[in-house]
Structure formats: C-alpha cells, structure tokens
C-alpha cells in the first residue's frame, strides 16, 4: 500500500501522458525568443557535441541535450532537454551569434516530455534519479501483476473466472501485438 501511495505521481504521470499521446493531443512545439547575443568562442576544431556542451556551459544551462547540424547554412542547433522549460539554442558561426529560444508551456508537451524522459544516458543526478524511479515503477508493476496472479490462484472459488479473464487478456494482447 505504501509503495502504491509513493508511486502515485508516476502512475498518474504515465497514465495522463499515455492518454495525451494515444489520442494525438500533443500540441506542436512553439518557441519564443528569449535573447540573441554575440558569441565569440573558438570552436573551429570541436565536434558538434563539444560545441553544444561548451555553449550550454557558457550560458549556464548545463544538462541533457542533443545537437542538430551543422545545417547547410552552417548553423548548429542545440536542444536543451528540460522537463519544464526546454530551450533551443541556434549557433551561427558566421555571424558569431546565439539565439536562445524557450518552448512555450503546454500541458500536453510537458506530459509528452515526461513520458519520453530517459536518464541513464546522461551523467546528471536528476536524470539518473528519474531513471531509477522509473525502474522502481516497473518493478512495482511486475510485483503487482505477479502478486495478483498468486492471490487469484489462492482463491479456489474464483479460479475459473480468473482463468477466463487471464486467457482473454493474453488473447487480446497477442491479437494487438501481431496485428498492429
């Protein structure tokens, strides 16, 4: 019971985010410019990943990110992944400038980011903690499923109904798994 109470926010988060994704309610990403500034760091021999890391460090926005580019016009886009306010930073080495944009807050986008958050790929403590908490949710769900099967088996009077429900559930699951 206490484990279930502790994991309630995660279960609600995944339930709500799954509804949003299942019904295609995720709003398109909309960014608003926060600032544009000159940027004159010497990054000529750096890889795109190293450039992104240096830019985020200089902007004091360290954290999980990915890099797109360089594009045909030479620009590099650094996407700073953040659950609450992700940012897109466009680096233009020709103009030697940065454009920092913040994604507008939309609940469907927040739920989508929550659902797709990954943590073990980054060295950041918050991402690692989130990844461990997701693993705890998975272990709890497996435990709840197995303990439910065990309790069903111990209640002899309901074995046939339980067998019918389990068989039907497995059948529907396999139908969807192999037909979609």
C-alpha atoms as a PDB file:
ATOM      1  CA  UNK A   1       0.000   0.000   0.000  1.00  0.00           C
ATOM      2  CA  UNK A   2       2.750   2.481   0.926  1.00  0.00           C
ATOM      3  CA  UNK A   3       4.665   1.674  -2.230  1.00  0.00           C
ATOM      4  CA  UNK A   4       1.498   2.367  -4.240  1.00  0.00           C
ATOM      5  CA  UNK A   5       0.999   5.679  -2.416  1.00  0.00           C
ATOM      6  CA  UNK A   6       4.627   6.641  -3.046  1.00  0.00           C
ATOM      7  CA  UNK A   7       4.396   5.785  -6.758  1.00  0.00           C
ATOM      8  CA  UNK A   8       1.051   7.562  -7.331  1.00  0.00           C
ATOM      9  CA  UNK A   9       2.616  10.626  -9.065  1.00  0.00           C
ATOM     10  CA  UNK A  10       4.490   8.402 -11.528  1.00  0.00           C
ATOM     11  CA  UNK A  11       1.442   6.285 -12.268  1.00  0.00           C
ATOM     12  CA  UNK A  12      -0.709   9.390 -12.823  1.00  0.00           C
ATOM     13  CA  UNK A  13       2.009  10.967 -14.975  1.00  0.00           C
ATOM     14  CA  UNK A  14       2.304   7.927 -17.222  1.00  0.00           C
ATOM     15  CA  UNK A  15      -1.454   7.414 -17.362  1.00  0.00           C
ATOM     16  CA  UNK A  16      -2.160  11.033 -18.358  1.00  0.00           C
ATOM     17  CA  UNK A  17       0.749  11.195 -20.815  1.00  0.00           C
ATOM     18  CA  UNK A  18      -0.369   7.965 -22.463  1.00  0.00           C
ATOM     19  CA  UNK A  19      -3.898   9.342 -22.906  1.00  0.00           C
ATOM     20  CA  UNK A  20      -2.482  12.519 -24.476  1.00  0.00           C
ATOM     21  CA  UNK A  21      -0.290  10.528 -26.891  1.00  0.00           C
ATOM     22  CA  UNK A  22      -2.910   7.860 -27.627  1.00  0.00           C
ATOM     23  CA  UNK A  23      -5.468  10.495 -28.640  1.00  0.00           C
ATOM     24  CA  UNK A  24      -2.907  12.563 -30.591  1.00  0.00           C
ATOM     25  CA  UNK A  25      -3.430  15.576 -28.339  1.00  0.00           C
ATOM     26  CA  UNK A  26       0.236  16.653 -28.249  1.00  0.00           C
ATOM     27  CA  UNK A  27       0.368  20.287 -29.334  1.00  0.00           C
ATOM     28  CA  UNK A  28       3.059  21.329 -31.813  1.00  0.00           C
ATOM     29  CA  UNK A  29       6.193  22.839 -30.336  1.00  0.00           C
ATOM     30  CA  UNK A  30       6.140  26.619 -30.189  1.00  0.00           C
ATOM     31  CA  UNK A  31       9.241  28.596 -29.287  1.00  0.00           C
ATOM     32  CA  UNK A  32       9.597  32.192 -28.204  1.00  0.00           C
ATOM     33  CA  UNK A  33      12.871  34.107 -28.461  1.00  0.00           C
ATOM     34  CA  UNK A  34      14.413  34.826 -25.083  1.00  0.00           C
ATOM     35  CA  UNK A  35      17.509  36.613 -26.317  1.00  0.00           C
ATOM     36  CA  UNK A  36      20.048  36.980 -29.074  1.00  0.00           C
ATOM     37  CA  UNK A  37      23.661  37.596 -28.187  1.00  0.00           C
ATOM     38  CA  UNK A  38      27.131  37.641 -29.683  1.00  0.00           C
ATOM     39  CA  UNK A  39      29.175  34.508 -29.154  1.00  0.00           C
ATOM     40  CA  UNK A  40      32.859  34.505 -29.989  1.00  0.00           C
ATOM     41  CA  UNK A  41      34.225  31.263 -28.534  1.00  0.00           C
ATOM     42  CA  UNK A  42      36.911  29.483 -30.571  1.00  0.00           C
ATOM     43  CA  UNK A  43      35.135  26.274 -31.628  1.00  0.00           C
ATOM     44  CA  UNK A  44      36.623  25.559 -35.048  1.00  0.00           C
ATOM     45  CA  UNK A  45      38.203  22.185 -34.275  1.00  0.00           C
ATOM     46  CA  UNK A  46      35.407  20.985 -31.944  1.00  0.00           C
ATOM     47  CA  UNK A  47      32.797  18.362 -32.800  1.00  0.00           C
ATOM     48  CA  UNK A  48      29.120  19.407 -32.852  1.00  0.00           C
ATOM     49  CA  UNK A  49      28.601  17.659 -29.494  1.00  0.00           C
ATOM     50  CA  UNK A  50      31.554  19.512 -27.958  1.00  0.00           C
ATOM     51  CA  UNK A  51      30.252  22.802 -29.358  1.00  0.00           C
ATOM     52  CA  UNK A  52      26.831  22.160 -27.815  1.00  0.00           C
ATOM     53  CA  UNK A  53      28.372  21.304 -24.470  1.00  0.00           C
ATOM     54  CA  UNK A  54      30.524  24.462 -24.499  1.00  0.00           C
ATOM     55  CA  UNK A  55      27.592  26.697 -25.464  1.00  0.00           C
ATOM     56  CA  UNK A  56      25.398  25.300 -22.692  1.00  0.00           C
ATOM     57  CA  UNK A  57      28.222  25.700 -20.196  1.00  0.00           C
ATOM     58  CA  UNK A  58      28.770  29.334 -21.239  1.00  0.00           C
ATOM     59  CA  UNK A  59      25.017  30.027 -20.943  1.00  0.00           C
ATOM     60  CA  UNK A  60      24.837  28.244 -17.540  1.00  0.00           C
ATOM     61  CA  UNK A  61      22.272  25.805 -18.985  1.00  0.00           C
ATOM     62  CA  UNK A  62      24.180  22.563 -18.389  1.00  0.00           C
ATOM     63  CA  UNK A  63      22.121  19.408 -18.641  1.00  0.00           C
ATOM     64  CA  UNK A  64      20.870  16.787 -21.061  1.00  0.00           C
ATOM     65  CA  UNK A  65      20.923  17.943 -24.691  1.00  0.00           C
ATOM     66  CA  UNK A  66      21.164  16.916 -28.308  1.00  0.00           C
ATOM     67  CA  UNK A  67      22.670  18.649 -31.307  1.00  0.00           C
ATOM     68  CA  UNK A  68      21.359  19.049 -34.854  1.00  0.00           C
ATOM     69  CA  UNK A  69      23.684  20.078 -37.615  1.00  0.00           C
ATOM     70  CA  UNK A  70      25.653  21.683 -38.850  1.00  0.00           C
ATOM     71  CA  UNK A  71      22.958  22.707 -41.325  1.00  0.00           C
ATOM     72  CA  UNK A  72      23.727  23.745 -44.920  1.00  0.00           C
ATOM     73  CA  UNK A  73      23.916  27.394 -43.802  1.00  0.00           C
ATOM     74  CA  UNK A  74      26.493  26.428 -41.160  1.00  0.00           C
ATOM     75  CA  UNK A  75      24.230  26.893 -38.140  1.00  0.00           C
ATOM     76  CA  UNK A  76      24.109  24.393 -35.324  1.00  0.00           C
ATOM     77  CA  UNK A  77      21.013  23.828 -33.173  1.00  0.00           C
ATOM     78  CA  UNK A  78      21.412  22.720 -29.561  1.00  0.00           C
ATOM     79  CA  UNK A  79      18.238  21.391 -27.939  1.00  0.00           C
ATOM     80  CA  UNK A  80      18.490  21.621 -24.156  1.00  0.00           C
ATOM     81  CA  UNK A  81      16.160  18.928 -22.830  1.00  0.00           C
ATOM     82  CA  UNK A  82      14.309  20.094 -19.754  1.00  0.00           C
ATOM     83  CA  UNK A  83      11.057  18.778 -18.368  1.00  0.00           C
ATOM     84  CA  UNK A  84       9.638  22.201 -17.511  1.00  0.00           C
ATOM     85  CA  UNK A  85      11.180  24.678 -19.985  1.00  0.00           C
ATOM     86  CA  UNK A  86      13.234  23.200 -22.823  1.00  0.00           C
ATOM     87  CA  UNK A  87      15.316  25.556 -24.881  1.00  0.00           C
ATOM     88  CA  UNK A  88      16.577  25.681 -28.439  1.00  0.00           C
ATOM     89  CA  UNK A  89      19.866  27.472 -28.996  1.00  0.00           C
ATOM     90  CA  UNK A  90      20.916  28.267 -32.561  1.00  0.00           C
ATOM     91  CA  UNK A  91      24.623  28.957 -33.041  1.00  0.00           C
ATOM     92  CA  UNK A  92      25.666  30.822 -36.165  1.00  0.00           C
ATOM     93  CA  UNK A  93      29.459  30.595 -36.564  1.00  0.00           C
ATOM     94  CA  UNK A  94      29.461  33.065 -39.479  1.00  0.00           C
ATOM     95  CA  UNK A  95      27.639  35.798 -37.545  1.00  0.00           C
ATOM     96  CA  UNK A  96      29.249  34.559 -34.311  1.00  0.00           C
ATOM     97  CA  UNK A  97      25.928  34.749 -32.503  1.00  0.00           C
ATOM     98  CA  UNK A  98      23.480  32.712 -30.442  1.00  0.00           C
ATOM     99  CA  UNK A  99      19.705  32.814 -30.495  1.00  0.00           C
ATOM    100  CA  UNK A 100      18.160  31.335 -27.342  1.00  0.00           C
ATOM    101  CA  UNK A 101      14.506  30.291 -27.559  1.00  0.00           C
ATOM    102  CA  UNK A 102      12.301  28.811 -24.853  1.00  0.00           C
ATOM    103  CA  UNK A 103       9.486  26.401 -25.617  1.00  0.00           C
ATOM    104  CA  UNK A 104       6.097  27.736 -24.575  1.00  0.00           C
ATOM    105  CA  UNK A 105       4.472  25.870 -21.708  1.00  0.00           C
ATOM    106  CA  UNK A 106       1.732  23.495 -22.825  1.00  0.00           C
ATOM    107  CA  UNK A 107       0.477  20.699 -20.603  1.00  0.00           C
ATOM    108  CA  UNK A 108       0.391  18.192 -23.456  1.00  0.00           C
ATOM    109  CA  UNK A 109       4.055  18.913 -24.282  1.00  0.00           C
ATOM    110  CA  UNK A 110       5.030  18.568 -20.612  1.00  0.00           C
ATOM    111  CA  UNK A 111       3.295  15.186 -20.394  1.00  0.00           C
ATOM    112  CA  UNK A 112       4.943  14.072 -23.638  1.00  0.00           C
ATOM    113  CA  UNK A 113       8.401  15.054 -22.329  1.00  0.00           C
ATOM    114  CA  UNK A 114       7.661  13.302 -19.020  1.00  0.00           C
ATOM    115  CA  UNK A 115       6.682  10.107 -20.813  1.00  0.00           C
ATOM    116  CA  UNK A 116       9.759  10.064 -23.063  1.00  0.00           C
ATOM    117  CA  UNK A 117      12.304  11.168 -20.483  1.00  0.00           C
ATOM    118  CA  UNK A 118      15.405   8.995 -20.398  1.00  0.00           C
ATOM    119  CA  UNK A 119      18.012   9.185 -17.694  1.00  0.00           C
ATOM    120  CA  UNK A 120      20.736   6.577 -17.758  1.00  0.00           C
ATOM    121  CA  UNK A 121      22.213   8.074 -20.956  1.00  0.00           C
ATOM    122  CA  UNK A 122      23.287  11.278 -19.179  1.00  0.00           C
ATOM    123  CA  UNK A 123      25.654  11.849 -16.247  1.00  0.00           C
ATOM    124  CA  UNK A 124      23.285  14.256 -14.439  1.00  0.00           C
ATOM    125  CA  UNK A 125      21.979  13.313 -10.983  1.00  0.00           C
ATOM    126  CA  UNK A 126      18.387  14.399 -11.637  1.00  0.00           C
ATOM    127  CA  UNK A 127      18.209  12.289 -14.817  1.00  0.00           C
ATOM    128  CA  UNK A 128      19.736   9.317 -13.003  1.00  0.00           C
ATOM    129  CA  UNK A 129      17.265   9.695 -10.106  1.00  0.00           C
ATOM    130  CA  UNK A 130      14.339   9.857 -12.526  1.00  0.00           C
ATOM    131  CA  UNK A 131      15.607   6.737 -14.310  1.00  0.00           C
ATOM    132  CA  UNK A 132      15.873   4.853 -11.010  1.00  0.00           C
ATOM    133  CA  UNK A 133      12.362   5.934 -10.026  1.00  0.00           C
ATOM    134  CA  UNK A 134      11.015   4.663 -13.374  1.00  0.00           C
ATOM    135  CA  UNK A 135      12.767   1.339 -12.748  1.00  0.00           C
ATOM    136  CA  UNK A 136      11.075   1.235  -9.327  1.00  0.00           C
ATOM    137  CA  UNK A 137       7.688   1.782 -11.006  1.00  0.00           C
ATOM    138  CA  UNK A 138       8.392  -1.084 -13.438  1.00  0.00           C
ATOM    139  CA  UNK A 139       9.439  -3.439 -10.616  1.00  0.00           C
ATOM    140  CA  UNK A 140       6.322  -2.472  -8.634  1.00  0.00           C
ATOM    141  CA  UNK A 141       4.060  -3.129 -11.634  1.00  0.00           C
ATOM    142  CA  UNK A 142       5.615  -6.557 -12.201  1.00  0.00           C
ATOM    143  CA  UNK A 143       5.223  -7.305  -8.475  1.00  0.00           C
ATOM    144  CA  UNK A 144       1.576  -6.190  -8.526  1.00  0.00           C
ATOM    145  CA  UNK A 145       0.856  -8.373 -11.578  1.00  0.00           C
ATOM    146  CA  UNK A 146       2.565 -11.454 -10.101  1.00  0.00           C
ATOM    147  CA  UNK A 147       1.012 -10.969  -6.668  1.00  0.00           C
ATOM    148  CA  UNK A 148      -2.402 -10.628  -8.334  1.00  0.00           C
ATOM    149  CA  UNK A 149      -1.873 -13.942 -10.122  1.00  0.00           C
ATOM    150  CA  UNK A 150      -0.792 -15.560  -6.875  1.00  0.00           C
ATOM    151  CA  UNK A 151      -3.816 -14.184  -4.958  1.00  0.00           C
ATOM    152  CA  UNK A 152      -6.139 -15.344  -7.742  1.00  0.00           C
ATOM    153  CA  UNK A 153      -4.649 -18.856  -7.566  1.00  0.00           C
ATOM    154  CA  UNK A 154      -5.106 -18.986  -3.770  1.00  0.00           C
ATOM    155  CA  UNK A 155      -8.846 -18.187  -4.044  1.00  0.00           C
ATOM    156  CA  UNK A 156     -10.157 -21.516  -5.297  1.00  0.00           C
ATOM    157  CA  UNK A 157     -13.739 -20.318  -5.772  1.00  0.00           C
ATOM    158  CA  UNK A 158     -12.672 -17.798  -8.429  1.00  0.00           C
ATOM    159  CA  UNK A 159     -10.151 -19.893 -10.360  1.00  0.00           C
ATOM    160  CA  UNK A 160     -12.358 -20.426 -13.418  1.00  0.00           C
ATOM    161  CA  UNK A 161     -13.287 -16.739 -13.686  1.00  0.00           C
ATOM    162  CA  UNK A 162      -9.664 -15.783 -13.173  1.00  0.00           C
ATOM    163  CA  UNK A 163      -8.538 -18.273 -15.804  1.00  0.00           C
ATOM    164  CA  UNK A 164     -11.112 -16.876 -18.242  1.00  0.00           C
ATOM    165  CA  UNK A 165     -10.004 -13.273 -17.557  1.00  0.00           C
ATOM    166  CA  UNK A 166      -6.300 -14.166 -17.870  1.00  0.00           C
ATOM    167  CA  UNK A 167      -6.833 -16.139 -21.079  1.00  0.00           C
ATOM    168  CA  UNK A 168      -8.943 -13.360 -22.596  1.00  0.00           C
ATOM    169  CA  UNK A 169      -6.353 -10.733 -21.612  1.00  0.00           C
ATOM    170  CA  UNK A 170      -3.486 -12.726 -23.117  1.00  0.00           C
ATOM    171  CA  UNK A 171      -5.526 -13.365 -26.261  1.00  0.00           C
ATOM    172  CA  UNK A 172      -6.382  -9.683 -26.772  1.00  0.00           C
ATOM    173  CA  UNK A 173      -2.761  -8.699 -26.092  1.00  0.00           C
ATOM    174  CA  UNK A 174      -1.444 -11.190 -28.640  1.00  0.00           C
ATOM    175  CA  UNK A 175      -4.063 -10.118 -31.180  1.00  0.00           C
ATOM    176  CA  UNK A 176      -2.940  -6.483 -30.913  1.00  0.00           C
ATOM    177  CA  UNK A 177       0.741  -7.396 -30.789  1.00  0.00           C
ATOM    178  CA  UNK A 178       0.620  -9.373 -34.017  1.00  0.00           C
ATOM    179  CA  UNK A 179      -1.994  -7.402 -35.959  1.00  0.00           C
ATOM    180  CA  UNK A 180      -0.845  -3.820 -35.476  1.00  0.00           C
END
